Amino acid sequence: MTAVLRERDGGAERRVRAGYLVAADGSHSPVRERLGIPLLGHGSFSNSITIYFRADVRPLLGERNLSVVYLFGSRQQGFFRFSKAGDAGFLVVNKALDESGELTSDLWGDTSEERCVELVRDALGAPDLPVEIENVQRWNACAEWAERFQAGRVFVAGDAAHNMPPTGGFGGNVGVQDAHNLAWKLELVLRGAAGPELLSTYDEERRPVGEATVEQAYSRYVLRLAPELGKENLQPIVPEATVELGYRYRSAAVLPDGTDDDGAAFENSLEPSGRPGTRAPHVVLERAGTPVSTLDLIDRNFLVLAGPDGERWCEAARAAEAGLGIRVDAHRIGSDDLSGDSGRFVDVFGTGSEGAVLVRPDGFIAWRAQAASADADGVLTTALAQVLARPVA
């Protein structure tokens, strides 16, 4: 495909030939619309504003360390965020009284400096506080996701793939997750180390997570700010840390290990299972007398982590590396190189003392063996080939 590029502030056009396109072009994505990909979900429910201001709110905050402050006044509803110094912040207004004295969710009419100063002072309960308005942004509160995240050689990501209200603070993170999922797959396919079918797992993995995250943000918005939208059929609230870290992948790039799968979108991030399709858990180990996390071992390569009696899987990693021509790092927990609480590793990763896990470059477990194998070389090489969408010898 050919892309025509031009700087936003003008200048000459240039053309770039590309094998793939990542459309991260915002919530009103022209690329998504041209591809005819519809949006699903709950649609739009508020024309909100965010008022960025400077004001000395330290006397109001006192010694309290406040992060998000929700506002449920009779004249307006929304939330505050303040700077650490207490000299600035922003106010999100989702509802306010209109000229007739009724609460409205359409705040785009009067966004003058005078009106915004009035809203900030009213929300703070400080009618005489000096307030300087720095910026006002209009935005549309909605809860939607794209019907599909891939169309041929085009992938939609970030706000182009999913939009959600800020309740929960998920929007930015879920966009980064999209990029993290897609980047390593594109890199391997472009250099010929993986089959192009690997890219199909982007939609398989990220679309269900995007939908589930949007629903979590929407449930919070309704319960915290807009119960009039209806509480029927809301998804039960899942803790924020679990939404951010406990989401699960199911695709051809994840090989089930035969353990029960309840089909849930998330697992408790405080009680990781080590199952394929989940994020590799954090376990503190030791290298040369220095604490190191299992997460520190994850790099750009595939990674095999074996139990204390799983040296054979580390040898199999070297065989898979040679057979497939792709770098595979390998560590045995409890070895001279990587010591520490090997029992903790075995319990959290669920490998048994002779088992192992194969971790993808994005930190998700692709495969798990819970015991030794007489054909460790063949088993691991076949598993890695399947994940890479390559022919299995």
Protein backbone atom coordinates (compact mmCIF):
# COMPACT_ATOMS: atom_id res chain seq x y z
CA MET A 1 0.00 0.00 0.00
CA THR A 2 1.06 3.61 -0.52
CA ALA A 3 0.76 6.24 2.23
CA VAL A 4 0.86 9.96 1.44
CA LEU A 5 2.48 11.85 4.34
CA ARG A 6 2.49 15.56 5.08
CA GLU A 7 3.48 17.51 8.20
CA ARG A 8 0.50 18.89 10.13
CA ASP A 9 1.79 22.45 9.77
CA GLY A 10 2.24 22.16 6.00
CA GLY A 11 5.15 21.33 3.76
CA ALA A 12 5.77 18.96 0.90
CA GLU A 13 4.05 15.62 0.58
CA ARG A 14 6.00 12.37 0.43
CA ARG A 15 4.90 8.87 -0.45
CA VAL A 16 5.82 5.76 1.49
CA ARG A 17 5.32 2.19 0.37
CA ALA A 18 4.37 -0.04 3.29
CA GLY A 19 3.35 -3.62 3.81
CA TYR A 20 1.02 -2.77 6.70
CA LEU A 21 -0.75 0.24 8.18
CA VAL A 22 -1.51 0.87 11.86
CA ALA A 23 -4.43 3.29 12.10
CA ALA A 24 -3.95 5.02 15.44
CA ASP A 25 -5.70 8.14 14.16
CA GLY A 26 -8.05 8.88 17.03
CA SER A 27 -11.62 8.33 18.07
CA HIS A 28 -13.03 9.72 14.81
CA SER A 29 -10.56 7.60 12.79
CA PRO A 30 -10.92 8.45 9.08
CA VAL A 31 -9.13 5.19 8.25
CA ARG A 32 -11.59 3.10 10.26
CA GLU A 33 -14.51 4.90 8.66
CA ARG A 34 -13.13 4.43 5.13
CA LEU A 35 -12.73 0.73 5.86
CA GLY A 36 -16.40 0.58 6.82
CA ILE A 37 -15.73 -0.80 10.30
CA PRO A 38 -18.73 0.03 12.51
CA LEU A 39 -18.62 0.83 16.22
CA LEU A 40 -20.42 -1.29 18.80
CA GLY A 41 -21.33 -0.49 22.38
CA HIS A 42 -23.27 2.22 24.17
CA GLY A 43 -22.72 5.21 21.90
CA SER A 44 -22.45 8.81 23.12
CA PHE A 45 -24.01 10.03 26.36
CA SER A 46 -22.41 13.39 27.25
CA ASN A 47 -20.89 16.42 25.53
CA SER A 48 -18.47 17.11 28.36
CA ILE A 49 -15.76 19.70 28.94
CA THR A 50 -12.43 19.66 30.74
CA ILE A 51 -11.32 22.98 32.25
CA TYR A 52 -7.58 23.35 32.88
CA PHE A 53 -6.95 26.08 35.43
CA ARG A 54 -4.43 27.64 37.77
CA ALA A 55 -5.48 28.48 41.31
CA ASP A 56 -4.04 28.12 44.79
CA VAL A 57 -6.13 25.29 46.23
CA ARG A 58 -3.71 24.37 49.02
CA PRO A 59 -5.83 25.95 51.75
CA LEU A 60 -8.76 23.84 50.52
CA LEU A 61 -6.80 20.59 50.30
CA GLY A 62 -4.91 20.97 53.57
CA GLU A 63 -2.75 17.95 54.32
CA ARG A 64 -4.94 15.56 52.36
CA ASN A 65 -3.27 13.71 49.48
CA LEU A 66 -6.18 13.56 47.05
CA SER A 67 -5.99 12.00 43.59
CA VAL A 68 -9.44 11.99 41.98
CA VAL A 69 -12.19 14.01 43.65
CA TYR A 70 -15.70 13.30 42.38
CA LEU A 71 -18.23 16.12 42.38
CA PHE A 72 -21.90 15.39 43.01
CA GLY A 73 -23.34 18.87 43.43
CA SER A 74 -26.84 20.03 42.70
CA ARG A 75 -25.47 22.49 40.15
CA GLN A 76 -22.82 20.36 38.43
CA GLN A 77 -21.30 16.89 38.39
CA GLY A 78 -17.87 15.63 37.33
CA PHE A 79 -14.47 15.30 38.97
CA PHE A 80 -11.24 17.14 39.85
CA ARG A 81 -7.56 16.30 39.51
CA PHE A 82 -5.02 18.58 41.22
CA SER A 83 -1.30 19.09 40.73
CA LYS A 84 0.99 17.85 43.49
CA ALA A 85 1.95 21.42 44.24
CA GLY A 86 -1.69 22.37 44.74
CA ASP A 87 -1.43 25.36 42.43
CA ALA A 88 -3.25 23.97 39.36
CA GLY A 89 -5.57 21.24 38.18
CA PHE A 90 -8.40 20.36 35.87
CA LEU A 91 -12.12 20.04 36.32
CA VAL A 92 -14.13 17.61 34.20
CA VAL A 93 -17.76 18.67 33.92
CA ASN A 94 -20.19 15.99 32.75
CA LYS A 95 -23.38 17.76 33.83
CA ALA A 96 -24.28 21.32 34.81
CA LEU A 97 -27.34 23.52 35.11
CA ASP A 98 -28.50 25.08 31.87
CA GLU A 99 -30.22 28.47 31.50
CA SER A 100 -33.55 26.94 32.49
CA GLY A 101 -32.11 25.51 35.70
CA GLU A 102 -32.10 21.88 34.52
CA LEU A 103 -29.10 19.57 34.67
CA THR A 104 -27.83 18.91 31.16
CA SER A 105 -25.14 16.70 29.68
CA ASP A 106 -24.56 19.10 26.77
CA LEU A 107 -21.87 21.47 28.02
CA TRP A 108 -20.58 22.72 24.68
CA GLY A 109 -22.75 25.81 24.46
CA ASP A 110 -21.03 28.34 26.73
CA THR A 111 -17.37 27.63 27.37
CA SER A 112 -16.34 31.27 27.87
CA GLU A 113 -13.68 32.13 30.42
CA GLU A 114 -16.27 33.74 32.65
CA ARG A 115 -18.47 30.63 32.63
CA CYS A 116 -15.51 28.31 33.29
CA VAL A 117 -14.26 30.41 36.21
CA GLU A 118 -17.77 30.23 37.63
CA LEU A 119 -17.83 26.43 37.30
CA VAL A 120 -14.42 26.00 38.96
CA ARG A 121 -15.28 28.29 41.87
CA ASP A 122 -18.66 26.63 42.36
CA ALA A 123 -17.13 23.16 42.32
CA LEU A 124 -14.48 24.20 44.87
CA GLY A 125 -16.99 26.02 47.05
CA ALA A 126 -14.77 29.11 46.91
CA PRO A 127 -16.73 31.95 45.24
CA ASP A 128 -13.92 34.53 45.58
CA LEU A 129 -10.90 32.35 44.71
CA PRO A 130 -8.65 33.84 41.98
CA VAL A 131 -8.81 31.42 39.03
CA GLU A 132 -6.90 31.57 35.73
CA ILE A 133 -8.29 29.46 32.89
CA GLU A 134 -5.50 27.93 30.81
CA ASN A 135 -7.47 25.80 28.38
CA VAL A 136 -10.90 24.28 27.78
CA GLN A 137 -11.36 21.06 25.85
CA ARG A 138 -14.63 19.77 24.51
CA TRP A 139 -14.96 16.03 24.33
CA ASN A 140 -17.62 13.45 23.85
CA ALA A 141 -18.20 10.80 26.52
CA CYS A 142 -18.97 7.49 24.85
CA ALA A 143 -18.37 3.77 25.31
CA GLU A 144 -17.66 2.02 22.00
CA TRP A 145 -15.31 -0.44 20.34
CA ALA A 146 -14.63 -1.33 16.72
CA GLU A 147 -16.41 -4.38 15.35
CA ARG A 148 -13.04 -5.65 14.14
CA PHE A 149 -9.49 -4.48 14.74
CA GLN A 150 -8.09 -5.67 11.41
CA ALA A 151 -9.06 -5.26 7.78
CA GLY A 152 -6.56 -6.95 5.49
CA ARG A 153 -3.22 -5.26 6.05
CA VAL A 154 -4.67 -2.46 8.18
CA PHE A 155 -4.90 -2.57 11.99
CA VAL A 156 -6.83 -0.12 14.14
CA ALA A 157 -5.40 0.70 17.55
CA GLY A 158 -5.85 3.08 20.46
CA ASP A 159 -8.82 5.43 20.37
CA ALA A 160 -9.52 4.36 16.80
CA ALA A 161 -10.29 0.88 18.17
CA HIS A 162 -12.05 1.74 21.42
CA ASN A 163 -13.42 4.78 23.21
CA MET A 164 -14.44 4.95 26.84
CA PRO A 165 -15.22 7.51 29.53
CA PRO A 166 -12.32 8.38 31.87
CA THR A 167 -13.90 6.61 34.85
CA GLY A 168 -11.25 4.08 35.80
CA GLY A 169 -8.46 5.75 33.85
CA PHE A 170 -8.22 2.87 31.37
CA GLY A 171 -8.15 4.65 27.99
CA GLY A 172 -4.46 5.48 27.65
CA ASN A 173 -3.28 2.18 29.06
CA VAL A 174 -5.47 0.05 26.81
CA GLY A 175 -4.06 1.92 23.79
CA VAL A 176 -0.51 1.13 24.90
CA GLN A 177 -1.56 -2.49 25.32
CA ASP A 178 -2.68 -2.55 21.67
CA ALA A 179 0.72 -1.32 20.52
CA HIS A 180 2.55 -3.72 22.82
CA ASN A 181 0.56 -6.64 21.43
CA LEU A 182 1.01 -5.71 17.77
CA ALA A 183 4.60 -4.45 17.64
CA TRP A 184 6.43 -7.72 18.24
CA LYS A 185 4.16 -9.59 15.85
CA LEU A 186 4.77 -7.09 13.06
CA GLU A 187 8.52 -7.21 13.68
CA LEU A 188 8.67 -10.99 13.42
CA VAL A 189 6.46 -11.15 10.34
CA LEU A 190 8.35 -8.38 8.53
CA ARG A 191 11.68 -10.12 8.99
CA GLY A 192 10.27 -13.47 7.96
CA ALA A 193 10.58 -15.17 11.35
CA ALA A 194 6.80 -15.68 11.66
CA GLY A 195 4.00 -16.42 9.25
CA PRO A 196 1.59 -13.58 8.36
CA GLU A 197 -1.21 -15.48 10.12
CA LEU A 198 0.36 -14.41 13.41
CA LEU A 199 -1.02 -10.92 12.74
CA SER A 200 -4.57 -12.27 12.80
CA THR A 201 -4.11 -12.93 16.50
CA TYR A 202 -4.04 -9.16 17.12
CA ASP A 203 -7.81 -8.95 16.56
CA GLU A 204 -8.41 -12.26 18.33
CA GLU A 205 -6.62 -11.05 21.44
CA ARG A 206 -7.14 -7.31 21.63
CA ARG A 207 -10.79 -6.94 20.56
CA PRO A 208 -12.24 -8.95 23.49
CA VAL A 209 -9.96 -7.08 25.90
CA GLY A 210 -10.96 -3.73 24.39
CA GLU A 211 -14.64 -4.58 24.72
CA ALA A 212 -14.28 -5.79 28.31
CA THR A 213 -12.31 -2.68 29.30
CA VAL A 214 -14.86 -0.34 27.71
CA GLU A 215 -17.61 -2.10 29.65
CA GLN A 216 -15.67 -1.65 32.88
CA ALA A 217 -15.29 2.09 32.24
CA TYR A 218 -18.98 2.37 31.31
CA SER A 219 -20.14 0.55 34.45
CA ARG A 220 -18.12 2.97 36.57
CA TYR A 221 -19.53 5.98 34.70
CA VAL A 222 -23.13 4.88 35.17
CA LEU A 223 -22.73 3.95 38.84
CA ARG A 224 -20.70 7.02 39.77
CA LEU A 225 -22.10 9.76 37.58
CA ALA A 226 -25.13 8.82 35.49
CA PRO A 227 -27.49 6.25 37.04
CA GLU A 228 -30.22 7.59 34.75
CA LEU A 229 -28.52 5.73 31.89
CA GLY A 230 -29.82 2.52 33.45
CA LYS A 231 -28.10 -0.02 35.66
CA GLU A 232 -29.55 -3.03 33.89
CA ASN A 233 -27.07 -5.34 32.15
CA LEU A 234 -24.02 -3.51 33.49
CA GLN A 235 -20.88 -5.60 33.75
CA PRO A 236 -19.95 -6.23 37.40
CA ILE A 237 -17.11 -3.99 38.57
CA VAL A 238 -13.67 -5.60 38.40
CA PRO A 239 -10.83 -4.01 40.45
CA GLU A 240 -8.72 -1.53 38.51
CA ALA A 241 -5.48 -3.49 38.94
CA THR A 242 -7.15 -6.59 37.52
CA VAL A 243 -8.48 -4.68 34.51
CA GLU A 244 -5.00 -3.27 33.85
CA LEU A 245 -2.94 -6.40 34.52
CA GLY A 246 -5.24 -9.41 34.65
CA TYR A 247 -6.72 -9.43 31.13
CA ARG A 248 -6.41 -12.71 29.24
CA TYR A 249 -5.64 -13.65 25.66
CA ARG A 250 -7.10 -16.54 23.70
CA SER A 251 -5.85 -17.05 20.14
CA ALA A 252 -3.76 -19.25 17.90
CA ALA A 253 -0.69 -17.65 19.53
CA VAL A 254 -1.70 -19.13 22.89
CA LEU A 255 -1.58 -22.91 23.35
CA PRO A 256 -3.93 -24.27 26.06
CA ASP A 257 -2.33 -26.64 28.55
CA GLY A 258 -5.44 -28.60 29.44
CA THR A 259 -6.23 -26.79 32.68
CA ASP A 260 -9.77 -25.52 33.19
CA ASP A 261 -10.65 -22.26 31.44
CA ASP A 262 -13.69 -20.53 32.92
CA GLY A 263 -13.89 -18.16 29.95
CA ALA A 264 -13.53 -15.05 32.12
CA ALA A 265 -12.06 -11.93 30.54
CA PHE A 266 -9.83 -11.29 33.56
CA GLU A 267 -8.05 -13.19 36.28
CA ASN A 268 -7.27 -11.76 39.71
CA SER A 269 -3.97 -9.94 39.20
CA LEU A 270 -3.10 -10.55 42.87
CA GLU A 271 -3.47 -14.32 42.39
CA PRO A 272 -1.85 -15.06 39.01
CA SER A 273 -2.30 -18.55 37.62
CA GLY A 274 0.57 -18.89 35.15
CA ARG A 275 -1.90 -20.25 32.57
CA PRO A 276 -1.22 -19.69 28.88
CA GLY A 277 -2.82 -16.42 27.79
CA THR A 278 -2.12 -14.63 31.07
CA ARG A 279 0.62 -12.18 31.95
CA ALA A 280 3.80 -13.76 33.33
CA PRO A 281 3.70 -13.26 37.10
CA HIS A 282 6.22 -11.31 39.15
CA VAL A 283 8.44 -13.49 41.34
CA VAL A 284 11.52 -12.13 43.10
CA LEU A 285 14.70 -14.13 42.38
CA GLU A 286 18.38 -13.41 42.84
CA ARG A 287 21.26 -13.00 40.40
CA ALA A 288 24.81 -12.49 41.65
CA GLY A 289 23.44 -11.39 45.01
CA THR A 290 21.08 -8.82 43.49
CA PRO A 291 17.28 -9.16 43.58
CA VAL A 292 15.75 -9.59 40.13
CA SER A 293 12.15 -10.09 39.05
CA THR A 294 10.99 -12.67 36.57
CA LEU A 295 9.63 -9.66 34.66
CA ASP A 296 13.17 -8.31 34.31
CA LEU A 297 14.05 -11.40 32.28
CA ILE A 298 11.50 -10.57 29.55
CA ASP A 299 13.13 -8.80 26.62
CA ARG A 300 12.60 -8.67 22.87
CA ASN A 301 12.99 -12.43 22.58
CA PHE A 302 10.92 -15.45 23.49
CA LEU A 303 11.78 -16.72 26.94
CA VAL A 304 11.73 -20.16 28.55
CA LEU A 305 11.54 -20.25 32.34
CA ALA A 306 12.01 -23.75 33.74
CA GLY A 307 11.49 -25.16 37.20
CA PRO A 308 14.42 -26.20 39.42
CA ASP A 309 14.57 -29.67 37.82
CA GLY A 310 13.70 -28.48 34.31
CA GLU A 311 17.16 -28.15 32.78
CA ARG A 312 15.99 -30.35 29.90
CA TRP A 313 13.58 -27.57 28.84
CA CYS A 314 16.47 -25.11 28.70
CA GLU A 315 18.30 -27.50 26.39
CA ALA A 316 15.09 -27.75 24.33
CA ALA A 317 15.04 -23.94 24.07
CA ARG A 318 18.45 -24.05 22.42
CA ALA A 319 17.22 -26.75 20.04
CA ALA A 320 14.14 -24.68 19.15
CA GLU A 321 16.34 -21.64 18.61
CA ALA A 322 18.55 -23.55 16.20
CA GLY A 323 15.68 -25.28 14.43
CA LEU A 324 13.57 -22.16 13.86
CA GLY A 325 16.30 -19.54 13.57
CA ILE A 326 14.81 -17.32 16.25
CA ARG A 327 16.36 -16.19 19.52
CA VAL A 328 15.02 -17.98 22.64
CA ASP A 329 16.39 -17.01 26.04
CA ALA A 330 16.22 -19.69 28.75
CA HIS A 331 16.68 -19.80 32.51
CA ARG A 332 16.33 -22.55 35.09
CA ILE A 333 15.04 -21.20 38.37
CA GLY A 334 17.35 -22.37 41.16
CA SER A 335 20.47 -22.53 39.00
CA ASP A 336 23.79 -20.87 39.83
CA ASP A 337 22.80 -18.04 37.47
CA LEU A 338 19.33 -17.49 38.89
CA SER A 339 18.72 -18.51 42.47
CA GLY A 340 16.01 -17.61 44.94
CA ASP A 341 12.73 -19.10 46.09
CA SER A 342 12.22 -21.76 43.42
CA GLY A 343 9.23 -23.11 45.34
CA ARG A 344 7.52 -19.76 44.97
CA PHE A 345 8.18 -19.83 41.23
CA VAL A 346 6.77 -23.35 40.89
CA ASP A 347 3.63 -22.41 42.83
CA VAL A 348 2.93 -19.14 41.00
CA PHE A 349 3.77 -20.31 37.48
CA GLY A 350 2.22 -23.75 38.00
CA THR A 351 5.06 -25.61 36.26
CA GLY A 352 5.94 -28.25 38.80
CA SER A 353 9.64 -28.72 39.51
CA GLU A 354 10.28 -30.27 36.05
CA GLY A 355 8.02 -28.08 33.92
CA ALA A 356 8.48 -24.78 32.09
CA VAL A 357 6.69 -21.86 30.45
CA LEU A 358 7.28 -20.15 27.12
CA VAL A 359 6.85 -16.39 27.46
CA ARG A 360 6.21 -14.16 24.44
CA PRO A 361 8.06 -10.86 23.88
CA ASP A 362 5.03 -8.99 25.24
CA GLY A 363 5.28 -10.82 28.56
CA PHE A 364 2.32 -13.17 28.07
CA ILE A 365 2.62 -16.90 28.55
CA ALA A 366 2.20 -18.75 25.24
CA TRP A 367 2.69 -22.34 26.43
CA ARG A 368 3.18 -24.27 29.64
CA ALA A 369 4.45 -27.75 30.48
CA GLN A 370 3.75 -28.97 33.98
CA ALA A 371 6.14 -31.93 33.83
CA ALA A 372 9.17 -33.24 31.99
CA SER A 373 8.92 -34.73 28.48
CA ALA A 374 10.90 -37.49 26.82
CA ASP A 375 10.80 -35.41 23.61
CA ALA A 376 11.37 -31.96 25.06
CA ASP A 377 13.14 -30.73 21.92
CA GLY A 378 10.26 -31.70 19.64
CA VAL A 379 7.54 -30.52 22.02
CA LEU A 380 8.99 -27.06 22.54
CA THR A 381 10.01 -26.55 18.91
CA THR A 382 6.52 -27.54 17.78
CA ALA A 383 4.91 -25.20 20.34
CA LEU A 384 7.03 -22.25 19.26
CA ALA A 385 6.37 -22.96 15.59
CA GLN A 386 2.61 -22.99 16.26
CA VAL A 387 2.81 -19.66 18.10
CA LEU A 388 4.76 -18.19 15.19
CA ALA A 389 2.26 -19.51 12.63
CA ARG A 390 5.01 -21.50 10.93
CA PRO A 391 4.80 -25.01 9.50
CA VAL A 392 5.39 -27.70 12.07
CA ALA A 393 8.02 -30.23 10.96
